[in-house]
């Protein structure tokens, strides 16, 4: 199998749209999905990633560089602000390793990334001037990618850069992760510990899995604090009381 398009898959709607779009450009046997497992996703996301591969007839490789909670213990803090060790070490690092090994094995290929400008001001700024139909060397898209990947023939494309959320959902036509229909704007880590308290609260209260996640996160927070770190789960003004008092979710008793 010679890969012409590699699509990093998160289980979210944007990366899924890239994979579905790639099928319009290449046959399924020339496309490969790459799922970086953080060991912190909802069971519905794991099931959805498997379903994507079956639905589109595309092989999806899974790699894992550890877990979100392991990294939090290592760095003595949860992800947040400029400390996105979850993204840096469990997503970007693993993708770099996989991309380099694949290029060494077979030569160059394109990586289709599901980034959209309307997701945030930061992304609009980062991708200003970039065009959906153009390809770029990896470091031109994200500086954390080394220049040697470009020299190996790897090129990045941002095929849905100018799409809106509505464009994505219309394109998927009901094929997206069911967590979106359950009220979550983004899926992946459940919850994203770098997100706002509103979304962490919602995830921890969502179902039995969410409540189990809360217990795990609270236990890790206590361990981090015992080791001299910042075991801060909640980041809002209200959250300061929760962190200091040891109370968790104030909507229900978990």
C-alpha atoms as a PDB file:
ATOM      1  CA  UNK A   1       0.000   0.000   0.000  1.00  0.00           C
ATOM      2  CA  UNK A   2       1.372   3.374  -1.062  1.00  0.00           C
ATOM      3  CA  UNK A   3      -0.167   6.215   0.893  1.00  0.00           C
ATOM      4  CA  UNK A   4      -0.942   9.376  -1.048  1.00  0.00           C
ATOM      5  CA  UNK A   5      -2.986  11.074   1.672  1.00  0.00           C
ATOM      6  CA  UNK A   6      -2.573  10.735   5.445  1.00  0.00           C
ATOM      7  CA  UNK A   7      -5.442  12.132   7.518  1.00  0.00           C
ATOM      8  CA  UNK A   8      -4.971  12.646  11.277  1.00  0.00           C
ATOM      9  CA  UNK A   9      -8.276  11.516  12.841  1.00  0.00           C
ATOM     10  CA  UNK A  10      -9.566  12.657  16.231  1.00  0.00           C
ATOM     11  CA  UNK A  11     -13.114  11.323  16.076  1.00  0.00           C
ATOM     12  CA  UNK A  12     -14.291  14.896  15.539  1.00  0.00           C
ATOM     13  CA  UNK A  13     -16.269  16.342  12.657  1.00  0.00           C
ATOM     14  CA  UNK A  14     -13.456  18.336  11.016  1.00  0.00           C
ATOM     15  CA  UNK A  15     -10.958  15.513  10.644  1.00  0.00           C
ATOM     16  CA  UNK A  16     -13.770  13.215   9.510  1.00  0.00           C
ATOM     17  CA  UNK A  17     -14.712  15.744   6.825  1.00  0.00           C
ATOM     18  CA  UNK A  18     -11.106  15.730   5.602  1.00  0.00           C
ATOM     19  CA  UNK A  19     -11.148  11.950   5.341  1.00  0.00           C
ATOM     20  CA  UNK A  20     -14.457  11.940   3.468  1.00  0.00           C
ATOM     21  CA  UNK A  21     -13.201  14.717   1.198  1.00  0.00           C
ATOM     22  CA  UNK A  22      -9.986  12.817   0.478  1.00  0.00           C
ATOM     23  CA  UNK A  23     -12.080  10.013  -1.001  1.00  0.00           C
ATOM     24  CA  UNK A  24     -13.096  12.410  -3.770  1.00  0.00           C
ATOM     25  CA  UNK A  25      -9.432  12.834  -4.692  1.00  0.00           C
ATOM     26  CA  UNK A  26      -7.995   9.333  -4.160  1.00  0.00           C
ATOM     27  CA  UNK A  27      -9.183   5.740  -3.946  1.00  0.00           C
ATOM     28  CA  UNK A  28      -9.617   4.419  -0.406  1.00  0.00           C
ATOM     29  CA  UNK A  29      -6.552   2.182  -0.631  1.00  0.00           C
ATOM     30  CA  UNK A  30      -4.321   5.247  -1.114  1.00  0.00           C
ATOM     31  CA  UNK A  31      -5.658   7.000   1.994  1.00  0.00           C
ATOM     32  CA  UNK A  32      -4.644   6.279   5.577  1.00  0.00           C
ATOM     33  CA  UNK A  33      -6.183   7.623   8.756  1.00  0.00           C
ATOM     34  CA  UNK A  34      -4.058   8.191  11.865  1.00  0.00           C
ATOM     35  CA  UNK A  35      -5.687   8.198  15.304  1.00  0.00           C
ATOM     36  CA  UNK A  36      -3.548   9.394  18.217  1.00  0.00           C
ATOM     37  CA  UNK A  37      -5.042   7.786  21.310  1.00  0.00           C
ATOM     38  CA  UNK A  38      -4.753   9.905  24.464  1.00  0.00           C
ATOM     39  CA  UNK A  39      -6.446   7.216  26.588  1.00  0.00           C
ATOM     40  CA  UNK A  40      -8.889   9.925  27.630  1.00  0.00           C
ATOM     41  CA  UNK A  41     -11.600   9.735  24.964  1.00  0.00           C
ATOM     42  CA  UNK A  42     -15.230   8.809  25.441  1.00  0.00           C
ATOM     43  CA  UNK A  43     -16.146   5.207  24.481  1.00  0.00           C
ATOM     44  CA  UNK A  44     -18.454   6.681  21.832  1.00  0.00           C
ATOM     45  CA  UNK A  45     -15.466   8.395  20.228  1.00  0.00           C
ATOM     46  CA  UNK A  46     -13.441   5.184  20.117  1.00  0.00           C
ATOM     47  CA  UNK A  47     -16.432   3.423  18.575  1.00  0.00           C
ATOM     48  CA  UNK A  48     -16.895   6.265  16.108  1.00  0.00           C
ATOM     49  CA  UNK A  49     -13.277   6.155  14.926  1.00  0.00           C
ATOM     50  CA  UNK A  50     -13.722   2.454  14.196  1.00  0.00           C
ATOM     51  CA  UNK A  51     -17.014   3.165  12.447  1.00  0.00           C
ATOM     52  CA  UNK A  52     -15.406   5.850  10.249  1.00  0.00           C
ATOM     53  CA  UNK A  53     -12.908   3.339   8.900  1.00  0.00           C
ATOM     54  CA  UNK A  54     -15.644   0.817   8.178  1.00  0.00           C
ATOM     55  CA  UNK A  55     -18.020   3.385   6.702  1.00  0.00           C
ATOM     56  CA  UNK A  56     -15.467   4.867   4.292  1.00  0.00           C
ATOM     57  CA  UNK A  57     -13.453   1.715   3.662  1.00  0.00           C
ATOM     58  CA  UNK A  58     -10.243   3.398   4.841  1.00  0.00           C
ATOM     59  CA  UNK A  59      -7.611   1.873   7.082  1.00  0.00           C
ATOM     60  CA  UNK A  60      -7.013   3.798  10.311  1.00  0.00           C
ATOM     61  CA  UNK A  61      -3.792   3.267  12.249  1.00  0.00           C
ATOM     62  CA  UNK A  62      -3.738   3.950  15.988  1.00  0.00           C
ATOM     63  CA  UNK A  63      -0.672   5.234  17.836  1.00  0.00           C
ATOM     64  CA  UNK A  64      -0.307   6.087  21.506  1.00  0.00           C
ATOM     65  CA  UNK A  65       2.397   8.045  23.302  1.00  0.00           C
ATOM     66  CA  UNK A  66       0.909   7.742  26.770  1.00  0.00           C
ATOM     67  CA  UNK A  67      -2.146   9.211  28.451  1.00  0.00           C
ATOM     68  CA  UNK A  68      -3.382  12.657  29.414  1.00  0.00           C
ATOM     69  CA  UNK A  69      -3.281  11.809  33.106  1.00  0.00           C
ATOM     70  CA  UNK A  70       0.239  10.349  32.866  1.00  0.00           C
ATOM     71  CA  UNK A  71       1.458  13.573  31.256  1.00  0.00           C
ATOM     72  CA  UNK A  72      -0.365  15.648  33.869  1.00  0.00           C
ATOM     73  CA  UNK A  73       1.405  13.751  36.629  1.00  0.00           C
ATOM     74  CA  UNK A  74       4.753  14.131  34.872  1.00  0.00           C
ATOM     75  CA  UNK A  75       4.416  17.917  34.484  1.00  0.00           C
ATOM     76  CA  UNK A  76       2.597  18.376  37.803  1.00  0.00           C
ATOM     77  CA  UNK A  77      -0.304  20.218  36.212  1.00  0.00           C
ATOM     78  CA  UNK A  78      -3.268  19.693  33.937  1.00  0.00           C
ATOM     79  CA  UNK A  79      -3.201  21.021  30.364  1.00  0.00           C
ATOM     80  CA  UNK A  80      -4.181  24.652  29.960  1.00  0.00           C
ATOM     81  CA  UNK A  81      -3.048  28.005  28.664  1.00  0.00           C
ATOM     82  CA  UNK A  82       0.345  27.636  27.032  1.00  0.00           C
ATOM     83  CA  UNK A  83       0.988  24.227  28.620  1.00  0.00           C
ATOM     84  CA  UNK A  84      -0.697  21.916  26.144  1.00  0.00           C
ATOM     85  CA  UNK A  85       1.467  18.871  26.838  1.00  0.00           C
ATOM     86  CA  UNK A  86      -1.465  16.676  25.789  1.00  0.00           C
ATOM     87  CA  UNK A  87      -1.450  18.141  22.267  1.00  0.00           C
ATOM     88  CA  UNK A  88       2.331  18.502  22.016  1.00  0.00           C
ATOM     89  CA  UNK A  89       3.298  15.020  23.207  1.00  0.00           C
ATOM     90  CA  UNK A  90       0.263  12.844  22.497  1.00  0.00           C
ATOM     91  CA  UNK A  91      -0.820  14.343  19.172  1.00  0.00           C
ATOM     92  CA  UNK A  92       1.879  16.389  17.415  1.00  0.00           C
ATOM     93  CA  UNK A  93       4.861  14.327  18.592  1.00  0.00           C
ATOM     94  CA  UNK A  94       3.237  11.023  17.653  1.00  0.00           C
ATOM     95  CA  UNK A  95       2.167  12.388  14.263  1.00  0.00           C
ATOM     96  CA  UNK A  96       5.716  13.612  13.574  1.00  0.00           C
ATOM     97  CA  UNK A  97       7.157  10.196  14.395  1.00  0.00           C
ATOM     98  CA  UNK A  98       4.608   8.357  12.268  1.00  0.00           C
ATOM     99  CA  UNK A  99       4.958  10.791   9.357  1.00  0.00           C
ATOM    100  CA  UNK A 100       8.758  10.527   9.349  1.00  0.00           C
ATOM    101  CA  UNK A 101       8.677   6.715   9.437  1.00  0.00           C
ATOM    102  CA  UNK A 102       6.128   6.552   6.631  1.00  0.00           C
ATOM    103  CA  UNK A 103       8.133   8.978   4.457  1.00  0.00           C
ATOM    104  CA  UNK A 104      11.297   6.939   5.034  1.00  0.00           C
ATOM    105  CA  UNK A 105       9.446   3.812   3.980  1.00  0.00           C
ATOM    106  CA  UNK A 106       7.690   5.028   0.847  1.00  0.00           C
ATOM    107  CA  UNK A 107       8.581   8.633   0.011  1.00  0.00           C
ATOM    108  CA  UNK A 108       6.465  11.757   0.117  1.00  0.00           C
ATOM    109  CA  UNK A 109       2.710  12.171   0.557  1.00  0.00           C
ATOM    110  CA  UNK A 110       0.153  14.758   1.627  1.00  0.00           C
ATOM    111  CA  UNK A 111      -1.215  15.220   5.156  1.00  0.00           C
ATOM    112  CA  UNK A 112      -4.755  16.611   5.175  1.00  0.00           C
ATOM    113  CA  UNK A 113      -5.461  18.527   8.375  1.00  0.00           C
ATOM    114  CA  UNK A 114      -8.959  19.505   9.528  1.00  0.00           C
ATOM    115  CA  UNK A 115      -8.186  23.043  10.648  1.00  0.00           C
ATOM    116  CA  UNK A 116     -10.766  25.808  10.135  1.00  0.00           C
ATOM    117  CA  UNK A 117     -10.193  29.546  10.430  1.00  0.00           C
ATOM    118  CA  UNK A 118     -13.556  30.252  12.033  1.00  0.00           C
ATOM    119  CA  UNK A 119     -12.811  28.012  15.034  1.00  0.00           C
ATOM    120  CA  UNK A 120     -10.887  30.704  16.888  1.00  0.00           C
ATOM    121  CA  UNK A 121      -9.053  34.007  16.578  1.00  0.00           C
ATOM    122  CA  UNK A 122      -5.780  32.138  17.156  1.00  0.00           C
ATOM    123  CA  UNK A 123      -6.411  29.910  14.138  1.00  0.00           C
ATOM    124  CA  UNK A 124      -7.491  32.817  11.925  1.00  0.00           C
ATOM    125  CA  UNK A 125      -4.207  34.501  12.759  1.00  0.00           C
ATOM    126  CA  UNK A 126      -2.076  31.373  12.384  1.00  0.00           C
ATOM    127  CA  UNK A 127      -3.490  30.428   8.990  1.00  0.00           C
ATOM    128  CA  UNK A 128      -3.910  33.932   7.561  1.00  0.00           C
ATOM    129  CA  UNK A 129      -2.984  33.890   3.880  1.00  0.00           C
ATOM    130  CA  UNK A 130      -3.202  30.107   3.577  1.00  0.00           C
ATOM    131  CA  UNK A 131      -5.403  28.648   0.816  1.00  0.00           C
ATOM    132  CA  UNK A 132      -7.445  25.432   0.862  1.00  0.00           C
ATOM    133  CA  UNK A 133      -6.230  24.229  -2.520  1.00  0.00           C
ATOM    134  CA  UNK A 134      -2.527  24.801  -1.878  1.00  0.00           C
ATOM    135  CA  UNK A 135       0.014  22.482  -0.274  1.00  0.00           C
ATOM    136  CA  UNK A 136       2.677  23.653   2.177  1.00  0.00           C
ATOM    137  CA  UNK A 137       5.738  22.287   3.888  1.00  0.00           C
ATOM    138  CA  UNK A 138       4.797  21.090   7.388  1.00  0.00           C
ATOM    139  CA  UNK A 139       6.695  23.817   9.256  1.00  0.00           C
ATOM    140  CA  UNK A 140       4.817  26.460   7.239  1.00  0.00           C
ATOM    141  CA  UNK A 141       1.560  25.237   8.780  1.00  0.00           C
ATOM    142  CA  UNK A 142       2.801  24.566  12.298  1.00  0.00           C
ATOM    143  CA  UNK A 143       6.264  25.570  13.480  1.00  0.00           C
ATOM    144  CA  UNK A 144       6.484  22.544  15.755  1.00  0.00           C
ATOM    145  CA  UNK A 145       6.882  20.352  12.687  1.00  0.00           C
ATOM    146  CA  UNK A 146      10.543  20.022  11.588  1.00  0.00           C
ATOM    147  CA  UNK A 147      11.802  21.236   8.228  1.00  0.00           C
ATOM    148  CA  UNK A 148      13.256  17.820   7.433  1.00  0.00           C
ATOM    149  CA  UNK A 149       9.746  16.482   6.806  1.00  0.00           C
ATOM    150  CA  UNK A 150       9.410  18.932   3.928  1.00  0.00           C
ATOM    151  CA  UNK A 151      12.755  17.771   2.557  1.00  0.00           C
ATOM    152  CA  UNK A 152      11.403  14.211   2.653  1.00  0.00           C
ATOM    153  CA  UNK A 153       8.503  15.178   0.389  1.00  0.00           C
ATOM    154  CA  UNK A 154       5.793  15.568   3.019  1.00  0.00           C
ATOM    155  CA  UNK A 155       3.269  18.314   2.265  1.00  0.00           C
ATOM    156  CA  UNK A 156       0.373  19.621   4.334  1.00  0.00           C
ATOM    157  CA  UNK A 157      -3.014  20.648   2.993  1.00  0.00           C
ATOM    158  CA  UNK A 158      -5.839  22.449   4.828  1.00  0.00           C
ATOM    159  CA  UNK A 159      -8.812  21.397   2.670  1.00  0.00           C
ATOM    160  CA  UNK A 160     -11.604  22.748   4.910  1.00  0.00           C
ATOM    161  CA  UNK A 161      -9.811  25.872   6.122  1.00  0.00           C
ATOM    162  CA  UNK A 162     -12.570  28.197   4.886  1.00  0.00           C
ATOM    163  CA  UNK A 163     -15.525  25.977   5.848  1.00  0.00           C
ATOM    164  CA  UNK A 164     -18.050  26.909   8.511  1.00  0.00           C
ATOM    165  CA  UNK A 165     -19.411  24.529  11.154  1.00  0.00           C
ATOM    166  CA  UNK A 166     -22.627  24.337   9.115  1.00  0.00           C
ATOM    167  CA  UNK A 167     -20.644  23.422   5.992  1.00  0.00           C
ATOM    168  CA  UNK A 168     -19.003  20.556   7.869  1.00  0.00           C
ATOM    169  CA  UNK A 169     -22.225  19.184   9.343  1.00  0.00           C
ATOM    170  CA  UNK A 170     -24.036  19.406   6.016  1.00  0.00           C
ATOM    171  CA  UNK A 171     -21.176  17.569   4.323  1.00  0.00           C
ATOM    172  CA  UNK A 172     -21.224  14.775   6.903  1.00  0.00           C
ATOM    173  CA  UNK A 173     -25.017  14.588   6.700  1.00  0.00           C
ATOM    174  CA  UNK A 174     -25.583  12.835  10.029  1.00  0.00           C
ATOM    175  CA  UNK A 175     -22.428  10.696   9.918  1.00  0.00           C
ATOM    176  CA  UNK A 176     -20.680  12.682  12.665  1.00  0.00           C
ATOM    177  CA  UNK A 177     -19.792  11.539  16.178  1.00  0.00           C
ATOM    178  CA  UNK A 178     -23.022  11.144  18.222  1.00  0.00           C
ATOM    179  CA  UNK A 179     -21.564  13.286  21.013  1.00  0.00           C
ATOM    180  CA  UNK A 180     -22.304  16.364  18.888  1.00  0.00           C
ATOM    181  CA  UNK A 181     -25.991  15.552  18.991  1.00  0.00           C
ATOM    182  CA  UNK A 182     -25.677  15.190  22.757  1.00  0.00           C
ATOM    183  CA  UNK A 183     -24.661  18.819  23.125  1.00  0.00           C
ATOM    184  CA  UNK A 184     -20.867  18.904  22.776  1.00  0.00           C
ATOM    185  CA  UNK A 185     -19.290  21.429  20.393  1.00  0.00           C
ATOM    186  CA  UNK A 186     -16.010  19.531  20.292  1.00  0.00           C
ATOM    187  CA  UNK A 187     -15.080  15.931  20.894  1.00  0.00           C
ATOM    188  CA  UNK A 188     -11.783  14.231  21.628  1.00  0.00           C
ATOM    189  CA  UNK A 189     -10.538  14.174  25.173  1.00  0.00           C
ATOM    190  CA  UNK A 190     -13.546  13.814  27.452  1.00  0.00           C
ATOM    191  CA  UNK A 191     -13.393  16.365  28.795  1.00  0.00           C
ATOM    192  CA  UNK A 192     -10.664  18.554  27.365  1.00  0.00           C
ATOM    193  CA  UNK A 193      -8.942  19.612  30.597  1.00  0.00           C
ATOM    194  CA  UNK A 194      -7.769  22.810  28.896  1.00  0.00           C
ATOM    195  CA  UNK A 195     -11.344  23.855  28.121  1.00  0.00           C
ATOM    196  CA  UNK A 196     -13.537  26.135  30.206  1.00  0.00           C
ATOM    197  CA  UNK A 197     -15.266  24.987  33.363  1.00  0.00           C
ATOM    198  CA  UNK A 198     -18.649  24.972  31.591  1.00  0.00           C
ATOM    199  CA  UNK A 199     -17.577  22.156  29.293  1.00  0.00           C
ATOM    200  CA  UNK A 200     -15.732  20.199  31.963  1.00  0.00           C
ATOM    201  CA  UNK A 201     -18.824  20.436  34.163  1.00  0.00           C
ATOM    202  CA  UNK A 202     -21.041  19.248  31.325  1.00  0.00           C
ATOM    203  CA  UNK A 203     -18.793  16.276  30.534  1.00  0.00           C
ATOM    204  CA  UNK A 204     -18.394  15.186  34.149  1.00  0.00           C
ATOM    205  CA  UNK A 205     -22.182  15.231  34.551  1.00  0.00           C
ATOM    206  CA  UNK A 206     -23.025  13.731  31.171  1.00  0.00           C
ATOM    207  CA  UNK A 207     -23.110  10.020  31.918  1.00  0.00           C
ATOM    208  CA  UNK A 208     -21.497   7.257  33.955  1.00  0.00           C
ATOM    209  CA  UNK A 209     -18.282   7.547  31.971  1.00  0.00           C
ATOM    210  CA  UNK A 210     -18.113  11.286  32.657  1.00  0.00           C
ATOM    211  CA  UNK A 211     -18.547  10.670  36.378  1.00  0.00           C
ATOM    212  CA  UNK A 212     -15.797   8.041  36.271  1.00  0.00           C
ATOM    213  CA  UNK A 213     -13.550  10.555  34.521  1.00  0.00           C
ATOM    214  CA  UNK A 214     -14.206  13.097  37.252  1.00  0.00           C
ATOM    215  CA  UNK A 215     -13.112  10.663  39.944  1.00  0.00           C
ATOM    216  CA  UNK A 216      -9.908   9.907  38.027  1.00  0.00           C
ATOM    217  CA  UNK A 217      -9.156  13.592  37.486  1.00  0.00           C
ATOM    218  CA  UNK A 218      -9.850  14.466  41.121  1.00  0.00           C
ATOM    219  CA  UNK A 219      -7.556  11.652  42.286  1.00  0.00           C
ATOM    220  CA  UNK A 220      -4.823  12.921  39.971  1.00  0.00           C
ATOM    221  CA  UNK A 221      -5.312  16.491  41.205  1.00  0.00           C
ATOM    222  CA  UNK A 222      -4.702  15.328  44.771  1.00  0.00           C
ATOM    223  CA  UNK A 223      -1.609  13.383  43.683  1.00  0.00           C
ATOM    224  CA  UNK A 224      -0.230  16.387  41.807  1.00  0.00           C
ATOM    225  CA  UNK A 225      -0.753  18.681  44.793  1.00  0.00           C
ATOM    226  CA  UNK A 226       0.876  16.134  47.111  1.00  0.00           C
ATOM    227  CA  UNK A 227       3.941  16.251  44.838  1.00  0.00           C
ATOM    228  CA  UNK A 228       4.152  20.023  44.948  1.00  0.00           C
ATOM    229  CA  UNK A 229       2.384  20.705  41.668  1.00  0.00           C
ATOM    230  CA  UNK A 230      -0.696  22.648  40.562  1.00  0.00           C
ATOM    231  CA  UNK A 231      -3.570  20.208  40.786  1.00  0.00           C
ATOM    232  CA  UNK A 232      -6.057  22.740  39.442  1.00  0.00           C
ATOM    233  CA  UNK A 233      -9.136  21.263  37.752  1.00  0.00           C
ATOM    234  CA  UNK A 234     -11.326  24.374  37.639  1.00  0.00           C
ATOM    235  CA  UNK A 235     -10.037  27.630  36.159  1.00  0.00           C
ATOM    236  CA  UNK A 236     -12.911  30.129  36.477  1.00  0.00           C
ATOM    237  CA  UNK A 237     -13.396  32.534  39.379  1.00  0.00           C
ATOM    238  CA  UNK A 238     -15.938  30.144  40.886  1.00  0.00           C
ATOM    239  CA  UNK A 239     -13.500  27.333  40.276  1.00  0.00           C
ATOM    240  CA  UNK A 240     -10.993  28.778  42.733  1.00  0.00           C
ATOM    241  CA  UNK A 241     -13.321  27.810  45.585  1.00  0.00           C
ATOM    242  CA  UNK A 242     -13.723  24.298  44.247  1.00  0.00           C
ATOM    243  CA  UNK A 243      -9.980  23.757  43.951  1.00  0.00           C
ATOM    244  CA  UNK A 244      -9.232  25.098  47.413  1.00  0.00           C
ATOM    245  CA  UNK A 245     -12.114  23.329  49.153  1.00  0.00           C
ATOM    246  CA  UNK A 246     -11.671  20.020  47.356  1.00  0.00           C
ATOM    247  CA  UNK A 247     -15.256  20.235  46.124  1.00  0.00           C
ATOM    248  CA  UNK A 248     -15.886  19.162  42.595  1.00  0.00           C
ATOM    249  CA  UNK A 249     -19.027  19.597  40.597  1.00  0.00           C
ATOM    250  CA  UNK A 250     -21.488  21.858  42.400  1.00  0.00           C
ATOM    251  CA  UNK A 251     -24.464  20.814  40.280  1.00  0.00           C
ATOM    252  CA  UNK A 252     -24.491  17.264  41.549  1.00  0.00           C
ATOM    253  CA  UNK A 253     -22.648  15.164  44.074  1.00  0.00           C
ATOM    254  CA  UNK A 254     -20.323  12.873  42.213  1.00  0.00           C
END
